[in-house]
C-alpha atoms as a PDB file:
ATOM      1  CA  MET A   1       0.005   0.156   0.321  1.00  0.00           C
ATOM      2  CA  LYS A   2       1.423   2.880  -0.888  1.00  0.00           C
ATOM      3  CA  ARG A   3      -0.699   5.795   1.325  1.00  0.00           C
ATOM      4  CA  VAL A   4      -4.012   6.077   2.417  1.00  0.00           C
ATOM      5  CA  VAL A   5      -5.844   9.666   1.549  1.00  0.00           C
ATOM      6  CA  PHE A   6      -8.575   9.682   4.553  1.00  0.00           C
ATOM      7  CA  THR A   7     -11.698  11.907   3.791  1.00  0.00           C
ATOM      8  CA  SER A   8     -12.700  14.017   6.479  1.00  0.00           C
ATOM      9  CA  SER A   9     -14.471  17.274   7.462  1.00  0.00           C
ATOM     10  CA  VAL A  10     -13.424  20.828   7.749  1.00  0.00           C
ATOM     11  CA  THR A  11     -16.114  20.027  10.829  1.00  0.00           C
ATOM     12  CA  ALA A  12     -13.689  18.211  12.353  1.00  0.00           C
ATOM     13  CA  VAL A  13     -11.724  21.312  12.669  1.00  0.00           C
ATOM     14  CA  VAL A  14     -13.638  24.173  12.923  1.00  0.00           C
ATOM     15  CA  TRP A  15     -15.352  24.219  16.658  1.00  0.00           C
ATOM     16  CA  SER A  16     -13.154  25.093  19.310  1.00  0.00           C
ATOM     17  CA  GLY A  17     -14.640  25.568  23.044  1.00  0.00           C
ATOM     18  CA  ALA A  18     -15.965  29.420  21.920  1.00  0.00           C
ATOM     19  CA  GLY A  19     -17.870  27.259  19.132  1.00  0.00           C
ATOM     20  CA  ALA A  20     -16.681  28.559  15.424  1.00  0.00           C
ATOM     21  CA  HIS A  21     -15.452  32.182  16.884  1.00  0.00           C
ATOM     22  CA  ARG A  22     -11.950  31.527  16.919  1.00  0.00           C
ATOM     23  CA  GLU A  23      -9.416  34.047  17.834  1.00  0.00           C
ATOM     24  CA  GLU A  24      -6.450  32.217  15.663  1.00  0.00           C
ATOM     25  CA  VAL A  25      -7.247  30.987  12.269  1.00  0.00           C
ATOM     26  CA  ALA A  26      -8.352  27.444  12.014  1.00  0.00           C
ATOM     27  CA  ASP A  27      -5.666  25.669   9.964  1.00  0.00           C
ATOM     28  CA  GLU A  28      -4.478  21.995   9.174  1.00  0.00           C
ATOM     29  CA  ARG A  29      -3.390  21.924  13.127  1.00  0.00           C
ATOM     30  CA  SER A  30      -6.902  22.635  14.891  1.00  0.00           C
ATOM     31  CA  TRP A  31      -9.247  20.210  16.203  1.00  0.00           C
ATOM     32  CA  SER A  32     -12.891  20.408  16.715  1.00  0.00           C
ATOM     33  CA  ASP A  33     -13.360  20.352  20.506  1.00  0.00           C
ATOM     34  CA  LEU A  34     -15.244  17.081  21.004  1.00  0.00           C
ATOM     35  CA  ALA A  35     -16.872  18.392  24.727  1.00  0.00           C
ATOM     36  CA  PHE A  36     -18.220  21.193  22.611  1.00  0.00           C
ATOM     37  CA  CYS A  37     -19.717  19.292  19.824  1.00  0.00           C
ATOM     38  CA  ARG A  38     -21.226  17.015  22.111  1.00  0.00           C
ATOM     39  CA  LYS A  39     -22.659  19.721  24.999  1.00  0.00           C
ATOM     40  CA  PHE A  40     -24.493  21.391  21.493  1.00  0.00           C
ATOM     41  CA  LYS A  41     -25.212  17.900  19.600  1.00  0.00           C
ATOM     42  CA  LEU A  42     -22.951  18.674  16.623  1.00  0.00           C
ATOM     43  CA  TRP A  43     -23.063  14.896  15.815  1.00  0.00           C
ATOM     44  CA  HIS A  44     -21.459  15.642  12.729  1.00  0.00           C
ATOM     45  CA  ALA A  45     -18.600  17.278  13.454  1.00  0.00           C
ATOM     46  CA  LEU A  46     -18.100  14.746  16.435  1.00  0.00           C
ATOM     47  CA  ALA A  47     -18.163  11.811  14.196  1.00  0.00           C
ATOM     48  CA  LYS A  48     -15.708  12.974  11.773  1.00  0.00           C
ATOM     49  CA  THR A  49     -13.396  14.248  14.989  1.00  0.00           C
ATOM     50  CA  LEU A  50     -13.736  11.118  16.296  1.00  0.00           C
ATOM     51  CA  SER A  51     -13.191   8.680  13.198  1.00  0.00           C
ATOM     52  CA  GLU A  52     -10.530  11.442  11.516  1.00  0.00           C
ATOM     53  CA  LYS A  53      -8.138  10.977  15.255  1.00  0.00           C
ATOM     54  CA  THR A  54      -9.217   6.848  15.198  1.00  0.00           C
ATOM     55  CA  ALA A  55      -7.609   7.055  11.543  1.00  0.00           C
ATOM     56  CA  TRP A  56      -4.507   8.923  12.449  1.00  0.00           C
ATOM     57  CA  ALA A  57      -3.868   6.387  15.783  1.00  0.00           C
ATOM     58  CA  LEU A  58      -4.640   3.465  13.508  1.00  0.00           C
ATOM     59  CA  ALA A  59      -1.922   4.476  10.921  1.00  0.00           C
ATOM     60  CA  MET A  60       0.559   5.663  13.005  1.00  0.00           C
ATOM     61  CA  ASP A  61      -0.291   2.112  14.582  1.00  0.00           C
ATOM     62  CA  ARG A  62       0.319   0.135  11.875  1.00  0.00           C
ATOM     63  CA  GLY A  63       2.866   2.624  10.441  1.00  0.00           C
ATOM     64  CA  VAL A  64       1.175   3.850   7.495  1.00  0.00           C
ATOM     65  CA  ASP A  65       1.606   6.685   5.351  1.00  0.00           C
ATOM     66  CA  MET A  66      -1.860   8.670   5.690  1.00  0.00           C
ATOM     67  CA  VAL A  67      -3.019  12.127   4.143  1.00  0.00           C
ATOM     68  CA  ALA A  68      -6.190  13.316   5.525  1.00  0.00           C
ATOM     69  CA  ILE A  69      -8.519  16.024   2.981  1.00  0.00           C
ATOM     70  CA  ASN A  70     -10.698  17.981   5.362  1.00  0.00           C
ATOM     71  CA  ALA A  71     -13.473  19.017   3.118  1.00  0.00           C
ATOM     72  CA  GLY A  72     -16.398  22.321   3.393  1.00  0.00           C
ATOM     73  CA  MET A  73     -19.764  20.936   2.437  1.00  0.00           C
ATOM     74  CA  LEU A  74     -19.520  19.280  -0.941  1.00  0.00           C
ATOM     75  CA  LEU A  75     -21.399  21.336  -3.856  1.00  0.00           C
ATOM     76  CA  ALA A  76     -21.794  19.560  -7.691  1.00  0.00           C
ATOM     77  CA  ALA A  77     -23.598  20.885 -10.464  1.00  0.00           C
ATOM     78  CA  PRO A  78     -26.907  20.100 -10.740  1.00  0.00           C
ATOM     79  CA  GLY A  79     -26.890  18.473 -13.941  1.00  0.00           C
ATOM     80  CA  PRO A  80     -29.229  15.229 -15.467  1.00  0.00           C
ATOM     81  CA  GLY A  81     -29.669  13.252 -12.417  1.00  0.00           C
ATOM     82  CA  LEU A  82     -27.604  14.890 -10.454  1.00  0.00           C
ATOM     83  CA  GLY A  83     -29.054  17.237  -7.883  1.00  0.00           C
ATOM     84  CA  LEU A  84     -27.109  18.667  -5.055  1.00  0.00           C
ATOM     85  CA  GLY A  85     -28.739  17.043  -2.613  1.00  0.00           C
ATOM     86  CA  LEU A  86     -28.381  19.133   0.259  1.00  0.00           C
ATOM     87  CA  THR A  87     -30.899  20.206   2.085  1.00  0.00           C
ATOM     88  CA  ALA A  88     -30.817  23.110   5.190  1.00  0.00           C
ATOM     89  CA  ALA A  89     -31.221  19.749   6.906  1.00  0.00           C
ATOM     90  CA  HIS A  90     -28.038  18.693   6.332  1.00  0.00           C
ATOM     91  CA  PRO A  91     -25.805  17.586   9.373  1.00  0.00           C
ATOM     92  CA  TYR A  92     -22.635  19.493   7.865  1.00  0.00           C
ATOM     93  CA  LEU A  93     -25.346  22.658   8.490  1.00  0.00           C
ATOM     94  CA  LYS A  94     -25.670  22.221  11.957  1.00  0.00           C
ATOM     95  CA  GLY A  95     -24.569  25.223  13.394  1.00  0.00           C
ATOM     96  CA  ALA A  96     -24.348  26.974  10.179  1.00  0.00           C
ATOM     97  CA  PRO A  97     -24.905  30.233  11.569  1.00  0.00           C
ATOM     98  CA  ASP A  98     -22.291  30.446  14.044  1.00  0.00           C
ATOM     99  CA  MET A  99     -19.999  28.943  11.048  1.00  0.00           C
ATOM    100  CA  TYR A 100     -20.701  31.877   8.861  1.00  0.00           C
ATOM    101  CA  ASP A 101     -20.434  34.407  11.738  1.00  0.00           C
ATOM    102  CA  GLY A 102     -17.049  33.110  12.560  1.00  0.00           C
ATOM    103  CA  GLY A 103     -15.950  32.873   9.603  1.00  0.00           C
ATOM    104  CA  VAL A 104     -15.556  29.288   9.048  1.00  0.00           C
ATOM    105  CA  LEU A 105     -18.333  28.109   6.768  1.00  0.00           C
ATOM    106  CA  ALA A 106     -16.874  26.856   3.298  1.00  0.00           C
ATOM    107  CA  THR A 107     -18.017  24.813   0.849  1.00  0.00           C
ATOM    108  CA  VAL A 108     -15.949  22.892  -2.263  1.00  0.00           C
ATOM    109  CA  ASP A 109     -16.667  22.156  -5.902  1.00  0.00           C
ATOM    110  CA  VAL A 110     -16.610  18.143  -6.489  1.00  0.00           C
ATOM    111  CA  GLY A 111     -13.888  18.496  -9.477  1.00  0.00           C
ATOM    112  CA  PHE A 112     -11.861  20.936  -7.091  1.00  0.00           C
ATOM    113  CA  LEU A 113     -11.703  18.214  -4.089  1.00  0.00           C
ATOM    114  CA  ALA A 114     -11.380  15.124  -6.878  1.00  0.00           C
ATOM    115  CA  ASP A 115      -8.311  16.920  -7.907  1.00  0.00           C
ATOM    116  CA  ALA A 116      -6.678  17.549  -4.439  1.00  0.00           C
ATOM    117  CA  HIS A 117      -7.164  13.906  -3.493  1.00  0.00           C
ATOM    118  CA  VAL A 118      -5.054  12.755  -6.430  1.00  0.00           C
ATOM    119  CA  ALA A 119      -2.719  15.551  -5.790  1.00  0.00           C
ATOM    120  CA  ALA A 120      -2.527  14.081  -2.101  1.00  0.00           C
ATOM    121  CA  TYR A 121      -1.977  10.402  -3.334  1.00  0.00           C
ATOM    122  CA  GLU A 122       0.047  11.318  -5.923  1.00  0.00           C
ATOM    123  CA  SER A 123       2.607  13.843  -4.443  1.00  0.00           C
ATOM    124  CA  PRO A 124       5.694  12.321  -2.539  1.00  0.00           C
ATOM    125  CA  THR A 125       5.436  15.655  -0.570  1.00  0.00           C
ATOM    126  CA  ALA A 126       2.010  15.327   0.976  1.00  0.00           C
ATOM    127  CA  TYR A 127       1.950  14.864   4.288  1.00  0.00           C
ATOM    128  CA  ALA A 128      -0.556  15.110   7.714  1.00  0.00           C
ATOM    129  CA  ARG A 129      -4.119  16.774   6.970  1.00  0.00           C
ATOM    130  CA  TYR A 130      -4.978  19.795   3.894  1.00  0.00           C
ATOM    131  CA  LEU A 131      -8.402  21.542   4.115  1.00  0.00           C
ATOM    132  CA  CYS A 132      -9.865  21.398   1.062  1.00  0.00           C
ATOM    133  CA  PHE A 133     -12.330  24.480   0.003  1.00  0.00           C
ATOM    134  CA  SER A 134     -12.886  26.254  -2.982  1.00  0.00           C
ATOM    135  CA  ASN A 135     -15.282  29.063  -1.122  1.00  0.00           C
ATOM    136  CA  ALA A 136     -15.133  30.436   2.458  1.00  0.00           C
ATOM    137  CA  VAL A 137     -18.920  31.893   2.594  1.00  0.00           C
ATOM    138  CA  CYS A 138     -17.811  35.184   4.285  1.00  0.00           C
ATOM    139  CA  ARG A 139     -19.736  37.695   1.980  1.00  0.00           C
ATOM    140  CA  PRO A 140     -23.881  38.342   2.839  1.00  0.00           C
ATOM    141  CA  GLU A 141     -24.893  37.247  -1.042  1.00  0.00           C
ATOM    142  CA  ASP A 142     -22.600  34.061  -0.776  1.00  0.00           C
ATOM    143  CA  ALA A 143     -24.691  33.195   2.143  1.00  0.00           C
ATOM    144  CA  VAL A 144     -28.356  34.011   0.581  1.00  0.00           C
ATOM    145  CA  LYS A 145     -26.938  31.777  -2.797  1.00  0.00           C
ATOM    146  CA  LEU A 146     -25.917  28.959  -0.456  1.00  0.00           C
ATOM    147  CA  ALA A 147     -29.141  29.408   1.236  1.00  0.00           C
ATOM    148  CA  GLN A 148     -31.428  29.360  -2.071  1.00  0.00           C
ATOM    149  CA  MET A 149     -29.594  25.958  -3.044  1.00  0.00           C
ATOM    150  CA  LEU A 150     -30.739  24.691   0.121  1.00  0.00           C
ATOM    151  CA  SER A 151     -34.044  25.893   0.304  1.00  0.00           C
ATOM    152  CA  PRO A 152     -36.682  24.818  -2.489  1.00  0.00           C
ATOM    153  CA  ALA A 153     -38.608  28.043  -0.579  1.00  0.00           C
ATOM    154  CA  PRO A 154     -38.859  31.589  -2.391  1.00  0.00           C
ATOM    155  CA  PRO A 155     -36.215  33.578  -0.717  1.00  0.00           C
ATOM    156  CA  ARG A 156     -37.359  36.074   1.813  1.00  0.00           C
ATOM    157  CA  SER A 157     -36.628  39.652   0.738  1.00  0.00           C
ATOM    158  CA  SER A 158     -32.933  40.469   2.143  1.00  0.00           C
ATOM    159  CA  PRO A 159     -32.198  43.057   4.727  1.00  0.00           C
ATOM    160  CA  PRO A 160     -31.635  46.446   4.164  1.00  0.00           C
ATOM    161  CA  SER A 161     -28.044  47.014   2.856  1.00  0.00           C
ATOM    162  CA  ASP A 162     -26.546  48.978   5.925  1.00  0.00           C
ATOM    163  CA  GLU A 163     -27.145  45.293   7.820  1.00  0.00           C
ATOM    164  CA  LEU A 164     -25.195  43.256   5.617  1.00  0.00           C
ATOM    165  CA  LYS A 165     -21.664  43.152   6.681  1.00  0.00           C
ATOM    166  CA  VAL A 166     -18.348  40.861   4.872  1.00  0.00           C
ATOM    167  CA  ILE A 167     -17.211  38.452   7.572  1.00  0.00           C
ATOM    168  CA  PRO A 168     -13.307  38.172   8.108  1.00  0.00           C
ATOM    169  CA  GLN A 169     -12.299  34.511   6.788  1.00  0.00           C
ATOM    170  CA  ARG A 170     -11.059  32.736  10.002  1.00  0.00           C
ATOM    171  CA  ILE A 171     -10.237  29.467   8.244  1.00  0.00           C
ATOM    172  CA  GLN A 172      -7.197  28.525   5.341  1.00  0.00           C
ATOM    173  CA  GLY A 173      -6.210  26.177   3.284  1.00  0.00           C
ATOM    174  CA  LYS A 174      -2.843  27.889   1.695  1.00  0.00           C
ATOM    175  CA  LYS A 175      -1.269  24.090   2.511  1.00  0.00           C
ATOM    176  CA  LEU A 176      -3.791  22.552   0.159  1.00  0.00           C
ATOM    177  CA  ASN A 177      -2.931  25.490  -2.343  1.00  0.00           C
ATOM    178  CA  LYS A 178       1.054  24.616  -2.061  1.00  0.00           C
ATOM    179  CA  LEU A 179       0.758  21.063  -2.799  1.00  0.00           C
ATOM    180  CA  MET A 180      -1.497  21.479  -5.944  1.00  0.00           C
ATOM    181  CA  LEU A 181       0.555  23.826  -7.280  1.00  0.00           C
ATOM    182  CA  GLU A 182       3.309  21.831  -6.700  1.00  0.00           C
ATOM    183  CA  PHE A 183       1.546  19.070  -8.168  1.00  0.00           C
ATOM    184  CA  ALA A 184       0.604  20.800 -11.350  1.00  0.00           C
ATOM    185  CA  SER A 185       3.819  21.550 -12.535  1.00  0.00           C
ATOM    186  CA  GLY A 186       5.961  18.968 -10.986  1.00  0.00           C
ATOM    187  CA  VAL A 187       6.733  15.755 -12.846  1.00  0.00           C
ATOM    188  CA  TYR A 188       3.758  13.783 -11.230  1.00  0.00           C
ATOM    189  CA  GLY A 189       1.182  15.053 -13.992  1.00  0.00           C
ATOM    190  CA  GLU A 190      -0.698  17.941 -14.627  1.00  0.00           C
ATOM    191  CA  LEU A 191      -4.547  18.341 -13.226  1.00  0.00           C
ATOM    192  CA  ASP A 192      -6.780  20.078 -15.188  1.00  0.00           C
END
């Protein structure tokens, strides 16, 4: 076995003891607080955090080369027979308003996520965890667009523009971006 690429979630990263309102920027070193997830019934985040920690423990115990991709909420372009399959009841979205206010609500395009998995598997320099998202939802218009994708109901009227504010992004994926650039320009192939 050359390498294991474990798919996890950004929700295994963003929930600190203060919720999604972090003082530091969430990155690959961050872990969601298990007690916080239990207290606020963030079951998706709890399950993703526990499963990833278990996978890391098993990989280290057995000497397996493992890389984790912590993906944002997966978005796929709608097509024939391929809907988004997402609703506002999706477990990833439990706590979404706090994630938005904390600047850590992230989504990922299915193509970008697939490319990230290939780069993590093929690149000999890949190691540890990578946050994978193509959009951090920090602008009111992005939040409205996401809400419209998730809800079949007609959109409510927007609040006056003086109530809308841009939320500072508090999550980063620089490590993955660097890996993908190196992989795309390296001898291991080219990402389309």
